């Protein structure tokens, strides 16, 4: 914020036993700051297949946990603004988003291209051009 980066977006890949105890802490940041915290379901890709089975947390579970600490209001977003669905605590300047590639597939409305670490351009983490 001090150097002028706006908006600030923090992506959190949900992992049971690793960061699931921090879900409320991350979301609380949106109550005081105009930040966008996005919770993302763990996707089984080549390098993390061993994690997926035991570590997967559906975003619905994260939202249930957040509703235990406060009401969440849906935030309408412009069509084509990515795969996240956004919510806000009443009066909060920031938003909480969820990206659900595993529990609620969004392939038909995805508008992302990905550049992999090895320089490949992919329309999907599971696809190739």
Protein backbone atom coordinates (compact mmCIF):
# COMPACT_ATOMS: atom_id res chain seq x y z
CA UNK A 1 0.00 0.00 0.00
CA UNK A 2 2.75 2.42 0.91
CA UNK A 3 4.30 2.16 -2.53
CA UNK A 4 1.00 2.59 -4.36
CA UNK A 5 0.08 -0.93 -5.39
CA UNK A 6 -3.70 -0.99 -5.72
CA UNK A 7 -5.71 -3.06 -5.45
CA UNK A 8 -3.91 -5.53 -3.21
CA UNK A 9 -4.93 -9.12 -3.92
CA UNK A 10 -3.80 -12.05 -1.80
CA UNK A 11 -4.36 -15.57 -3.11
CA UNK A 12 -4.55 -18.32 -0.49
CA UNK A 13 -4.52 -21.95 -1.65
CA UNK A 14 -6.52 -23.77 1.02
CA UNK A 15 -4.69 -26.72 2.58
CA UNK A 16 -6.00 -28.75 5.49
CA UNK A 17 -3.43 -29.01 8.26
CA UNK A 18 -1.26 -26.27 6.78
CA UNK A 19 -3.20 -23.02 6.64
CA UNK A 20 -6.82 -23.85 7.43
CA UNK A 21 -6.35 -22.33 10.88
CA UNK A 22 -5.66 -18.96 9.20
CA UNK A 23 -8.83 -18.64 7.11
CA UNK A 24 -10.51 -16.19 9.52
CA UNK A 25 -7.28 -14.23 10.00
CA UNK A 26 -6.89 -13.69 6.25
CA UNK A 27 -10.56 -12.73 5.86
CA UNK A 28 -10.36 -10.30 8.80
CA UNK A 29 -7.83 -8.26 6.80
CA UNK A 30 -10.70 -7.22 4.52
CA UNK A 31 -12.62 -5.64 7.40
CA UNK A 32 -10.03 -2.88 7.82
CA UNK A 33 -8.26 -2.72 4.45
CA UNK A 34 -9.53 -2.54 0.86
CA UNK A 35 -7.79 -5.82 0.08
CA UNK A 36 -9.10 -8.73 -1.95
CA UNK A 37 -8.40 -12.05 -0.26
CA UNK A 38 -9.11 -15.00 -2.56
CA UNK A 39 -9.32 -18.55 -1.28
CA UNK A 40 -8.47 -21.13 -3.94
CA UNK A 41 -9.13 -24.84 -3.83
CA UNK A 42 -6.05 -27.02 -4.15
CA UNK A 43 -5.86 -28.51 -7.65
CA UNK A 44 -4.15 -31.85 -8.21
CA UNK A 45 -1.33 -31.13 -10.63
CA UNK A 46 1.77 -33.18 -11.34
CA UNK A 47 3.88 -31.80 -8.53
CA UNK A 48 1.30 -31.92 -5.75
CA UNK A 49 -0.69 -35.10 -6.32
CA UNK A 50 0.51 -36.43 -2.97
CA UNK A 51 -1.06 -33.42 -1.21
CA UNK A 52 -4.45 -33.28 -2.87
CA UNK A 53 -6.23 -36.20 -1.23
CA UNK A 54 -5.55 -35.31 2.40
CA UNK A 55 -5.14 -31.55 2.11
CA UNK A 56 -8.14 -30.58 -0.02
CA UNK A 57 -10.61 -28.13 1.52
CA UNK A 58 -13.64 -27.07 -0.52
CA UNK A 59 -14.25 -23.33 -0.56
CA UNK A 60 -17.75 -23.99 0.80
CA UNK A 61 -16.12 -25.14 4.03
CA UNK A 62 -14.08 -21.94 4.21
CA UNK A 63 -17.22 -19.85 3.65
CA UNK A 64 -19.05 -21.79 6.38
CA UNK A 65 -16.22 -21.01 8.79
CA UNK A 66 -16.36 -17.33 7.88
CA UNK A 67 -20.13 -17.20 8.35
CA UNK A 68 -19.53 -18.36 11.93
CA UNK A 69 -17.67 -15.09 12.62
CA UNK A 70 -19.88 -12.74 10.61
CA UNK A 71 -22.42 -12.26 7.88
CA UNK A 72 -21.16 -12.37 4.29
CA UNK A 73 -22.88 -10.38 1.56
CA UNK A 74 -22.50 -11.39 -2.10
CA UNK A 75 -20.63 -8.80 -4.16
CA UNK A 76 -21.71 -8.65 -7.79
CA UNK A 77 -18.75 -8.58 -10.10
CA UNK A 78 -18.52 -7.62 -13.74
CA UNK A 79 -18.91 -10.53 -16.15
CA UNK A 80 -15.56 -11.64 -17.49
CA UNK A 81 -13.63 -10.54 -14.42
CA UNK A 82 -12.23 -14.01 -13.77
CA UNK A 83 -13.40 -17.14 -12.03
CA UNK A 84 -13.78 -15.81 -8.47
CA UNK A 85 -17.07 -15.29 -6.65
CA UNK A 86 -16.82 -12.41 -4.18
CA UNK A 87 -18.33 -11.65 -0.76
CA UNK A 88 -17.94 -8.89 1.79
CA UNK A 89 -18.47 -8.49 5.50
CA UNK A 90 -21.07 -5.69 5.91
CA UNK A 91 -19.28 -2.33 5.90
CA UNK A 92 -15.90 -3.83 5.06
CA UNK A 93 -13.77 -2.06 2.45
CA UNK A 94 -12.27 -5.31 1.13
CA UNK A 95 -13.65 -8.52 -0.30
CA UNK A 96 -13.33 -12.25 0.22
CA UNK A 97 -13.33 -14.32 -2.95
CA UNK A 98 -13.49 -18.03 -3.63
CA UNK A 99 -12.13 -19.84 -6.66
CA UNK A 100 -13.58 -23.34 -6.93
CA UNK A 101 -11.90 -25.31 -9.73
CA UNK A 102 -12.62 -28.66 -8.07
CA UNK A 103 -15.97 -28.39 -6.28
CA UNK A 104 -17.77 -26.06 -8.74
CA UNK A 105 -16.02 -26.25 -12.07
CA UNK A 106 -16.02 -22.96 -13.97
CA UNK A 107 -14.32 -23.97 -17.23
CA UNK A 108 -17.11 -22.58 -19.45
CA UNK A 109 -16.68 -19.06 -18.04
CA UNK A 110 -12.91 -19.03 -17.45
CA UNK A 111 -11.08 -16.25 -19.28
CA UNK A 112 -7.54 -16.91 -18.08
CA UNK A 113 -4.35 -17.87 -19.81
CA UNK A 114 -1.45 -19.15 -17.73
CA UNK A 115 2.26 -18.86 -18.28
CA UNK A 116 3.96 -21.81 -16.61
CA UNK A 117 7.31 -21.73 -14.86
CA UNK A 118 8.88 -23.44 -17.88
CA UNK A 119 7.55 -20.82 -20.32
CA UNK A 120 4.54 -22.69 -21.72
CA UNK A 121 1.29 -20.81 -22.38
CA UNK A 122 -1.75 -22.80 -21.28
CA UNK A 123 -5.48 -22.04 -21.32
CA UNK A 124 -5.90 -24.28 -18.29
CA UNK A 125 -3.70 -25.89 -15.69
CA UNK A 126 -4.91 -29.20 -17.13
CA UNK A 127 -4.77 -28.23 -20.82
CA UNK A 128 -2.33 -27.42 -23.58
CA UNK A 129 -2.36 -25.14 -26.62
